Amino acid sequence: VKLKSGEEERILESYRADFELGKKRYVSASNKLDQLHAQSRRYLEKVGSVLSRARATCEQAFREREECSRTAQAELLNNRRLEVKLTSLLEKRTKSHDLQSTCLEVQRQGGDLR
C-alpha cells in the first residue's frame, strides 16, 4: 500500500494522540483507584474500631450480668436463711405468748405456778 505524502506522518500523529489520551485516562483511572483503595482502607479501619469497641462493651455487659447473677443468688440464699430464723423466732414468740396466757389464766383462777 502506497501512502500519499504526509499521510504516514498524520497516521503516526493520530496514533500518538490516541496513545497519549489512553495514557492520561490510565493515569487518571489509576489515581482514582488508589483514592478508592485508601478510602476503603480507612472505612475498614473505622468499622474494625467500632466492632472492637462493641465487642468490649458486650464482654463487659456479660461480666456485669454474671456478677449480678451471683449477687442475686447470694442474696436469695441469705433471704432464705433469714426467713428460717424469723420463722423460728415467730414460733418461739407464739409459744411464749401461749405460755404467758396459760400462766395468767392459772393465776386468775387462783392457781399456783410452782
Foldseek 3Di string as FASTA:
>chain_A
DDDDPCPVVVVVVVVVVVVVVVVVVVVVVVVVVVVVVVVVVVVVVVVVVVVVVVVVVVVVVVVVVVVVVVVVVVVVVVVVVVVVVVVVVVVVVVVVVVVVVVVVVCVVVVHDPD
